[in-house]
PDB file of N, CA and C in Angstrom:
ATOM      1  N   UNK A   1     179.813  43.302  73.189  1.00  0.00           N
ATOM      2  CA  UNK A   1     178.502  43.095  73.756  1.00  0.00           C
ATOM      3  C   UNK A   1     178.526  41.866  74.659  1.00  0.00           C
ATOM      4  N   UNK A   2     177.731  41.920  75.684  1.00  0.00           N
ATOM      5  CA  UNK A   2     177.723  40.800  76.618  1.00  0.00           C
ATOM      6  C   UNK A   2     176.930  39.631  76.044  1.00  0.00           C
ATOM      7  N   UNK A   3     177.258  38.453  76.521  1.00  0.00           N
ATOM      8  CA  UNK A   3     176.587  37.245  76.042  1.00  0.00           C
ATOM      9  C   UNK A   3     175.118  37.224  76.466  1.00  0.00           C
ATOM     10  N   UNK A   4     174.804  37.814  77.629  1.00  0.00           N
ATOM     11  CA  UNK A   4     173.413  37.871  78.078  1.00  0.00           C
ATOM     12  C   UNK A   4     172.573  38.719  77.131  1.00  0.00           C
ATOM     13  N   UNK A   5     173.132  39.838  76.699  1.00  0.00           N
ATOM     14  CA  UNK A   5     172.429  40.734  75.776  1.00  0.00           C
ATOM     15  C   UNK A   5     172.143  40.026  74.457  1.00  0.00           C
ATOM     16  N   UNK A   6     173.141  39.332  73.935  1.00  0.00           N
ATOM     17  CA  UNK A   6     172.978  38.616  72.667  1.00  0.00           C
ATOM     18  C   UNK A   6     171.954  37.494  72.817  1.00  0.00           C
ATOM     19  N   UNK A   7     172.002  36.773  73.937  1.00  0.00           N
ATOM     20  CA  UNK A   7     171.034  35.695  74.175  1.00  0.00           C
ATOM     21  C   UNK A   7     169.615  36.249  74.251  1.00  0.00           C
ATOM     22  N   UNK A   8     169.455  37.420  74.887  1.00  0.00           N
ATOM     23  CA  UNK A   8     168.142  38.058  74.957  1.00  0.00           C
ATOM     24  C   UNK A   8     167.643  38.441  73.569  1.00  0.00           C
ATOM     25  N   UNK A   9     168.530  38.991  72.749  1.00  0.00           N
ATOM     26  CA  UNK A   9     168.163  39.376  71.383  1.00  0.00           C
ATOM     27  C   UNK A   9     167.740  38.155  70.567  1.00  0.00           C
ATOM     28  N   UNK A  10     168.461  37.052  70.717  1.00  0.00           N
ATOM     29  CA  UNK A  10     168.122  35.826  69.983  1.00  0.00           C
ATOM     30  C   UNK A  10     166.749  35.311  70.407  1.00  0.00           C
ATOM     31  N   UNK A  11     166.487  35.284  71.712  1.00  0.00           N
ATOM     32  CA  UNK A  11     165.177  34.799  72.174  1.00  0.00           C
ATOM     33  C   UNK A  11     164.060  35.735  71.721  1.00  0.00           C
ATOM     34  N   UNK A  12     164.317  37.046  71.710  1.00  0.00           N
ATOM     35  CA  UNK A  12     163.306  37.990  71.235  1.00  0.00           C
ATOM     36  C   UNK A  12     163.019  37.783  69.755  1.00  0.00           C
ATOM     37  N   UNK A  13     164.045  37.550  68.953  1.00  0.00           N
ATOM     38  CA  UNK A  13     163.848  37.310  67.521  1.00  0.00           C
ATOM     39  C   UNK A  13     163.024  36.044  67.291  1.00  0.00           C
ATOM     40  N   UNK A  14     163.286  35.003  68.073  1.00  0.00           N
ATOM     41  CA  UNK A  14     162.518  33.761  67.929  1.00  0.00           C
ATOM     42  C   UNK A  14     161.048  33.988  68.258  1.00  0.00           C
ATOM     43  N   UNK A  15     160.776  34.776  69.309  1.00  0.00           N
ATOM     44  CA  UNK A  15     159.387  35.081  69.658  1.00  0.00           C
ATOM     45  C   UNK A  15     158.720  35.903  68.563  1.00  0.00           C
ATOM     46  N   UNK A  16     159.455  36.864  68.003  1.00  0.00           N
ATOM     47  CA  UNK A  16     158.896  37.688  66.933  1.00  0.00           C
ATOM     48  C   UNK A  16     158.599  36.862  65.687  1.00  0.00           C
ATOM     49  N   UNK A  17     159.445  35.880  65.399  1.00  0.00           N
ATOM     50  CA  UNK A  17     159.207  35.008  64.247  1.00  0.00           C
ATOM     51  C   UNK A  17     157.931  34.201  64.462  1.00  0.00           C
ATOM     52  N   UNK A  18     157.724  33.715  65.685  1.00  0.00           N
ATOM     53  CA  UNK A  18     156.524  32.927  65.985  1.00  0.00           C
ATOM     54  C   UNK A  18     155.251  33.761  65.885  1.00  0.00           C
ATOM     55  N   UNK A  19     155.335  35.034  66.274  1.00  0.00           N
ATOM     56  CA  UNK A  19     154.137  35.877  66.314  1.00  0.00           C
ATOM     57  C   UNK A  19     153.993  36.775  65.090  1.00  0.00           C
ATOM     58  N   UNK A  20     154.857  36.633  64.107  1.00  0.00           N
ATOM     59  CA  UNK A  20     154.776  37.486  62.915  1.00  0.00           C
ATOM     60  C   UNK A  20     153.474  37.224  62.165  1.00  0.00           C
ATOM     61  N   UNK A  21     152.893  38.314  61.650  1.00  0.00           N
ATOM     62  CA  UNK A  21     151.599  38.190  60.973  1.00  0.00           C
ATOM     63  C   UNK A  21     151.724  38.008  59.466  1.00  0.00           C
ATOM     64  N   UNK A  22     152.911  38.232  58.915  1.00  0.00           N
ATOM     65  CA  UNK A  22     153.067  38.070  57.465  1.00  0.00           C
ATOM     66  C   UNK A  22     154.401  37.390  57.159  1.00  0.00           C
ATOM     67  N   UNK A  23     154.510  36.781  55.995  1.00  0.00           N
ATOM     68  CA  UNK A  23     155.775  36.135  55.610  1.00  0.00           C
ATOM     69  C   UNK A  23     156.939  37.126  55.493  1.00  0.00           C
ATOM     70  N   UNK A  24     156.628  38.374  55.118  1.00  0.00           N
ATOM     71  CA  UNK A  24     157.684  39.388  55.009  1.00  0.00           C
ATOM     72  C   UNK A  24     158.290  39.683  56.378  1.00  0.00           C
ATOM     73  N   UNK A  25     157.427  39.781  57.395  1.00  0.00           N
ATOM     74  CA  UNK A  25     157.929  40.017  58.745  1.00  0.00           C
ATOM     75  C   UNK A  25     158.792  38.851  59.211  1.00  0.00           C
ATOM     76  N   UNK A  26     158.339  37.634  58.943  1.00  0.00           N
ATOM     77  CA  UNK A  26     159.124  36.461  59.333  1.00  0.00           C
ATOM     78  C   UNK A  26     160.495  36.486  58.671  1.00  0.00           C
ATOM     79  N   UNK A  27     160.538  36.890  57.412  1.00  0.00           N
ATOM     80  CA  UNK A  27     161.799  36.946  56.677  1.00  0.00           C
ATOM     81  C   UNK A  27     162.743  37.978  57.296  1.00  0.00           C
ATOM     82  N   UNK A  28     162.200  39.138  57.663  1.00  0.00           N
ATOM     83  CA  UNK A  28     163.014  40.192  58.279  1.00  0.00           C
ATOM     84  C   UNK A  28     163.547  39.724  59.630  1.00  0.00           C
ATOM     85  N   UNK A  29     162.665  39.159  60.467  1.00  0.00           N
ATOM     86  CA  UNK A  29     163.085  38.695  61.789  1.00  0.00           C
ATOM     87  C   UNK A  29     164.076  37.537  61.689  1.00  0.00           C
ATOM     88  N   UNK A  30     163.921  36.701  60.665  1.00  0.00           N
ATOM     89  CA  UNK A  30     164.865  35.601  60.445  1.00  0.00           C
ATOM     90  C   UNK A  30     166.251  36.160  60.127  1.00  0.00           C
ATOM     91  N   UNK A  31     166.288  37.253  59.348  1.00  0.00           N
ATOM     92  CA  UNK A  31     167.563  37.905  59.043  1.00  0.00           C
ATOM     93  C   UNK A  31     168.235  38.447  60.294  1.00  0.00           C
ATOM     94  N   UNK A  32     167.430  39.096  61.163  1.00  0.00           N
ATOM     95  CA  UNK A  32     167.979  39.593  62.423  1.00  0.00           C
ATOM     96  C   UNK A  32     168.480  38.444  63.293  1.00  0.00           C
ATOM     97  N   UNK A  33     167.729  37.347  63.308  1.00  0.00           N
ATOM     98  CA  UNK A  33     168.131  36.181  64.097  1.00  0.00           C
ATOM     99  C   UNK A  33     169.482  35.651  63.624  1.00  0.00           C
ATOM    100  N   UNK A  34     169.674  35.567  62.320  1.00  0.00           N
ATOM    101  CA  UNK A  34     170.953  35.092  61.778  1.00  0.00           C
ATOM    102  C   UNK A  34     172.094  36.026  62.156  1.00  0.00           C
ATOM    103  N   UNK A  35     171.840  37.330  62.125  1.00  0.00           N
ATOM    104  CA  UNK A  35     172.875  38.306  62.506  1.00  0.00           C
ATOM    105  C   UNK A  35     173.282  38.101  63.958  1.00  0.00           C
ATOM    106  N   UNK A  36     172.293  37.958  64.855  1.00  0.00           N
ATOM    107  CA  UNK A  36     172.610  37.792  66.271  1.00  0.00           C
ATOM    108  C   UNK A  36     173.266  36.448  66.551  1.00  0.00           C
ATOM    109  N   UNK A  37     172.883  35.408  65.799  1.00  0.00           N
ATOM    110  CA  UNK A  37     173.516  34.107  66.006  1.00  0.00           C
ATOM    111  C   UNK A  37     174.973  34.133  65.565  1.00  0.00           C
ATOM    112  N   UNK A  38     175.305  34.938  64.561  1.00  0.00           N
ATOM    113  CA  UNK A  38     176.696  35.076  64.132  1.00  0.00           C
ATOM    114  C   UNK A  38     177.520  35.840  65.158  1.00  0.00           C
ATOM    115  N   UNK A  39     176.855  36.680  65.973  1.00  0.00           N
ATOM    116  CA  UNK A  39     177.564  37.476  66.971  1.00  0.00           C
ATOM    117  C   UNK A  39     178.013  36.642  68.164  1.00  0.00           C
ATOM    118  N   UNK A  40     177.450  35.453  68.327  1.00  0.00           N
ATOM    119  CA  UNK A  40     177.831  34.583  69.440  1.00  0.00           C
ATOM    120  C   UNK A  40     179.207  34.002  69.149  1.00  0.00           C
ATOM    121  N   UNK A  41     180.118  34.167  70.100  1.00  0.00           N
ATOM    122  CA  UNK A  41     181.475  33.649  69.933  1.00  0.00           C
ATOM    123  C   UNK A  41     181.531  32.217  70.450  1.00  0.00           C
ATOM    124  N   UNK A  42     181.928  31.319  69.594  1.00  0.00           N
ATOM    125  CA  UNK A  42     182.059  29.916  69.977  1.00  0.00           C
ATOM    126  C   UNK A  42     183.506  29.515  69.752  1.00  0.00           C
ATOM    127  N   UNK A  43     184.168  29.136  70.820  1.00  0.00           N
ATOM    128  CA  UNK A  43     185.554  28.701  70.708  1.00  0.00           C
ATOM    129  C   UNK A  43     185.638  27.289  70.165  1.00  0.00           C
ATOM    130  N   UNK A  44     186.785  26.904  69.676  1.00  0.00           N
ATOM    131  CA  UNK A  44     186.938  25.540  69.184  1.00  0.00           C
ATOM    132  C   UNK A  44     186.811  24.528  70.321  1.00  0.00           C
ATOM    133  N   UNK A  45     186.298  23.364  70.012  1.00  0.00           N
ATOM    134  CA  UNK A  45     186.043  22.338  71.024  1.00  0.00           C
ATOM    135  C   UNK A  45     187.339  21.911  71.694  1.00  0.00           C
ATOM    136  N   UNK A  46     188.401  21.760  70.920  1.00  0.00           N
ATOM    137  CA  UNK A  46     189.683  21.338  71.472  1.00  0.00           C
ATOM    138  C   UNK A  46     190.204  22.298  72.517  1.00  0.00           C
ATOM    139  N   UNK A  47     189.964  23.582  72.312  1.00  0.00           N
ATOM    140  CA  UNK A  47     190.430  24.577  73.263  1.00  0.00           C
ATOM    141  C   UNK A  47     189.699  24.435  74.593  1.00  0.00           C
ATOM    142  N   UNK A  48     188.413  24.098  74.564  1.00  0.00           N
ATOM    143  CA  UNK A  48     187.661  23.891  75.803  1.00  0.00           C
ATOM    144  C   UNK A  48     188.210  22.702  76.577  1.00  0.00           C
ATOM    145  N   UNK A  49     188.602  21.657  75.870  1.00  0.00           N
ATOM    146  CA  UNK A  49     189.180  20.486  76.514  1.00  0.00           C
ATOM    147  C   UNK A  49     190.516  20.854  77.151  1.00  0.00           C
ATOM    148  N   UNK A  50     191.326  21.652  76.436  1.00  0.00           N
ATOM    149  CA  UNK A  50     192.605  22.092  76.989  1.00  0.00           C
ATOM    150  C   UNK A  50     192.389  22.992  78.205  1.00  0.00           C
ATOM    151  N   UNK A  51     191.369  23.833  78.170  1.00  0.00           N
ATOM    152  CA  UNK A  51     191.091  24.716  79.303  1.00  0.00           C
ATOM    153  C   UNK A  51     190.726  23.902  80.539  1.00  0.00           C
ATOM    154  N   UNK A  52     189.926  22.870  80.361  1.00  0.00           N
ATOM    155  CA  UNK A  52     189.551  22.016  81.493  1.00  0.00           C
ATOM    156  C   UNK A  52     190.774  21.296  82.052  1.00  0.00           C
ATOM    157  N   UNK A  53     191.644  20.816  81.167  1.00  0.00           N
ATOM    158  CA  UNK A  53     192.862  20.131  81.616  1.00  0.00           C
ATOM    159  C   UNK A  53     193.780  21.104  82.343  1.00  0.00           C
ATOM    160  N   UNK A  54     193.914  22.317  81.813  1.00  0.00           N
ATOM    161  CA  UNK A  54     194.765  23.334  82.441  1.00  0.00           C
ATOM    162  C   UNK A  54     194.269  23.657  83.842  1.00  0.00           C
ATOM    163  N   UNK A  55     192.959  23.869  83.986  1.00  0.00           N
ATOM    164  CA  UNK A  55     192.417  24.227  85.296  1.00  0.00           C
ATOM    165  C   UNK A  55     192.489  23.066  86.278  1.00  0.00           C
ATOM    166  N   UNK A  56     192.482  21.829  85.781  1.00  0.00           N
ATOM    167  CA  UNK A  56     192.613  20.669  86.656  1.00  0.00           C
ATOM    168  C   UNK A  56     194.058  20.531  87.142  1.00  0.00           C
ATOM    169  N   UNK A  57     195.027  20.770  86.251  1.00  0.00           N
ATOM    170  CA  UNK A  57     196.442  20.633  86.611  1.00  0.00           C
ATOM    171  C   UNK A  57     196.894  21.792  87.491  1.00  0.00           C
ATOM    172  N   UNK A  58     196.535  23.017  87.101  1.00  0.00           N
ATOM    173  CA  UNK A  58     196.936  24.229  87.829  1.00  0.00           C
ATOM    174  C   UNK A  58     195.710  24.764  88.567  1.00  0.00           C
ATOM    175  N   UNK A  59     195.364  24.124  89.664  1.00  0.00           N
ATOM    176  CA  UNK A  59     194.092  24.354  90.348  1.00  0.00           C
ATOM    177  C   UNK A  59     193.780  25.816  90.662  1.00  0.00           C
ATOM    178  N   UNK A  60     194.655  26.607  91.254  1.00  0.00           N
ATOM    179  CA  UNK A  60     194.207  27.970  91.573  1.00  0.00           C
ATOM    180  C   UNK A  60     194.118  28.886  90.352  1.00  0.00           C
ATOM    181  N   UNK A  61     194.745  28.505  89.242  1.00  0.00           N
ATOM    182  CA  UNK A  61     194.762  29.374  88.064  1.00  0.00           C
ATOM    183  C   UNK A  61     193.565  29.091  87.166  1.00  0.00           C
ATOM    184  N   UNK A  62     193.135  30.119  86.469  1.00  0.00           N
ATOM    185  CA  UNK A  62     192.029  29.993  85.522  1.00  0.00           C
ATOM    186  C   UNK A  62     192.566  30.128  84.102  1.00  0.00           C
ATOM    187  N   UNK A  63     191.849  29.553  83.137  1.00  0.00           N
ATOM    188  CA  UNK A  63     192.269  29.601  81.736  1.00  0.00           C
ATOM    189  C   UNK A  63     191.867  30.920  81.082  1.00  0.00           C
ATOM    190  N   UNK A  64     190.775  31.517  81.540  1.00  0.00           N
ATOM    191  CA  UNK A  64     190.269  32.741  80.921  1.00  0.00           C
ATOM    192  C   UNK A  64     189.986  33.790  81.975  1.00  0.00           C
ATOM    193  N   UNK A  65     189.989  35.057  81.553  1.00  0.00           N
ATOM    194  CA  UNK A  65     189.533  36.146  82.393  1.00  0.00           C
ATOM    195  C   UNK A  65     188.684  37.078  81.536  1.00  0.00           C
ATOM    196  N   UNK A  66     187.815  37.843  82.190  1.00  0.00           N
ATOM    197  CA  UNK A  66     186.926  38.752  81.471  1.00  0.00           C
ATOM    198  C   UNK A  66     187.258  40.180  81.863  1.00  0.00           C
ATOM    199  N   UNK A  67     187.466  41.017  80.851  1.00  0.00           N
ATOM    200  CA  UNK A  67     187.724  42.433  81.074  1.00  0.00           C
ATOM    201  C   UNK A  67     186.957  43.217  80.020  1.00  0.00           C
ATOM    202  N   UNK A  68     186.187  44.189  80.459  1.00  0.00           N
ATOM    203  CA  UNK A  68     185.393  45.045  79.570  1.00  0.00           C
ATOM    204  C   UNK A  68     184.470  44.231  78.671  1.00  0.00           C
ATOM    205  N   UNK A  69     183.931  43.142  79.190  1.00  0.00           N
ATOM    206  CA  UNK A  69     183.001  42.319  78.430  1.00  0.00           C
ATOM    207  C   UNK A  69     183.651  41.360  77.458  1.00  0.00           C
ATOM    208  N   UNK A  70     184.979  41.353  77.379  1.00  0.00           N
ATOM    209  CA  UNK A  70     185.693  40.445  76.474  1.00  0.00           C
ATOM    210  C   UNK A  70     186.336  39.327  77.278  1.00  0.00           C
ATOM    211  N   UNK A  71     186.238  38.110  76.782  1.00  0.00           N
ATOM    212  CA  UNK A  71     186.861  36.963  77.426  1.00  0.00           C
ATOM    213  C   UNK A  71     188.212  36.723  76.776  1.00  0.00           C
ATOM    214  N   UNK A  72     189.259  36.697  77.597  1.00  0.00           N
ATOM    215  CA  UNK A  72     190.622  36.557  77.105  1.00  0.00           C
ATOM    216  C   UNK A  72     191.312  35.380  77.775  1.00  0.00           C
ATOM    217  N   UNK A  73     192.310  34.830  77.086  1.00  0.00           N
ATOM    218  CA  UNK A  73     193.104  33.752  77.666  1.00  0.00           C
ATOM    219  C   UNK A  73     194.140  34.354  78.616  1.00  0.00           C
ATOM    220  N   UNK A  74     194.389  33.648  79.723  1.00  0.00           N
ATOM    221  CA  UNK A  74     195.434  34.098  80.627  1.00  0.00           C
ATOM    222  C   UNK A  74     196.795  33.764  80.025  1.00  0.00           C
ATOM    223  N   UNK A  75     197.815  34.439  80.498  1.00  0.00           N
ATOM    224  CA  UNK A  75     199.167  34.217  79.988  1.00  0.00           C
ATOM    225  C   UNK A  75     199.623  32.783  80.265  1.00  0.00           C
ATOM    226  N   UNK A  76     199.302  32.278  81.457  1.00  0.00           N
ATOM    227  CA  UNK A  76     199.694  30.910  81.807  1.00  0.00           C
ATOM    228  C   UNK A  76     199.001  29.895  80.899  1.00  0.00           C
ATOM    229  N   UNK A  77     197.749  30.139  80.538  1.00  0.00           N
ATOM    230  CA  UNK A  77     197.027  29.223  79.654  1.00  0.00           C
ATOM    231  C   UNK A  77     197.612  29.259  78.243  1.00  0.00           C
ATOM    232  N   UNK A  78     198.016  30.436  77.780  1.00  0.00           N
ATOM    233  CA  UNK A  78     198.651  30.531  76.455  1.00  0.00           C
ATOM    234  C   UNK A  78     199.942  29.719  76.423  1.00  0.00           C
ATOM    235  N   UNK A  79     200.735  29.807  77.492  1.00  0.00           N
ATOM    236  CA  UNK A  79     201.970  29.023  77.574  1.00  0.00           C
ATOM    237  C   UNK A  79     201.651  27.527  77.605  1.00  0.00           C
ATOM    238  N   UNK A  80     200.607  27.165  78.319  1.00  0.00           N
ATOM    239  CA  UNK A  80     200.174  25.770  78.381  1.00  0.00           C
ATOM    240  C   UNK A  80     199.807  25.260  76.989  1.00  0.00           C
ATOM    241  N   UNK A  81     199.084  26.059  76.208  1.00  0.00           N
ATOM    242  CA  UNK A  81     198.713  25.667  74.845  1.00  0.00           C
ATOM    243  C   UNK A  81     199.940  25.509  73.961  1.00  0.00           C
ATOM    244  N   UNK A  82     200.926  26.403  74.121  1.00  0.00           N
ATOM    245  CA  UNK A  82     202.157  26.293  73.330  1.00  0.00           C
ATOM    246  C   UNK A  82     202.879  24.989  73.645  1.00  0.00           C
ATOM    247  N   UNK A  83     202.938  24.636  74.934  1.00  0.00           N
ATOM    248  CA  UNK A  83     203.589  23.384  75.324  1.00  0.00           C
ATOM    249  C   UNK A  83     202.832  22.178  74.778  1.00  0.00           C
ATOM    250  N   UNK A  84     201.504  22.256  74.727  1.00  0.00           N
ATOM    251  CA  UNK A  84     200.695  21.156  74.195  1.00  0.00           C
ATOM    252  C   UNK A  84     200.952  20.959  72.704  1.00  0.00           C
ATOM    253  N   UNK A  85     201.162  22.055  71.960  1.00  0.00           N
ATOM    254  CA  UNK A  85     201.429  21.962  70.524  1.00  0.00           C
ATOM    255  C   UNK A  85     202.782  21.335  70.254  1.00  0.00           C
ATOM    256  N   UNK A  86     203.762  21.591  71.131  1.00  0.00           N
ATOM    257  CA  UNK A  86     205.111  21.054  70.952  1.00  0.00           C
ATOM    258  C   UNK A  86     205.111  19.552  71.179  1.00  0.00           C
ATOM    259  N   UNK A  87     204.349  19.083  72.157  1.00  0.00           N
ATOM    260  CA  UNK A  87     204.341  17.654  72.507  1.00  0.00           C
ATOM    261  C   UNK A  87     203.681  16.803  71.477  1.00  0.00           C
TER     262      UNK A  87
END
């Protein structure tokens, strides 16, 4: 699923929680909100720092690419991470 779709679902759940007329509805919408928040992929902070360093050193190359809605690491970035672990 795309990140835009998940973000839309999260914002809709928050609005539904605010406008719920009973505590049972709030509880149900809160459950949906938790499910959608778990669907958001968050990479480790260290990896983001390495991605920025990789893109700064290897200017024309990117650390990630997107195919079919999935974000993947490039082969060059994977090699860069392996070299960082060795050092």
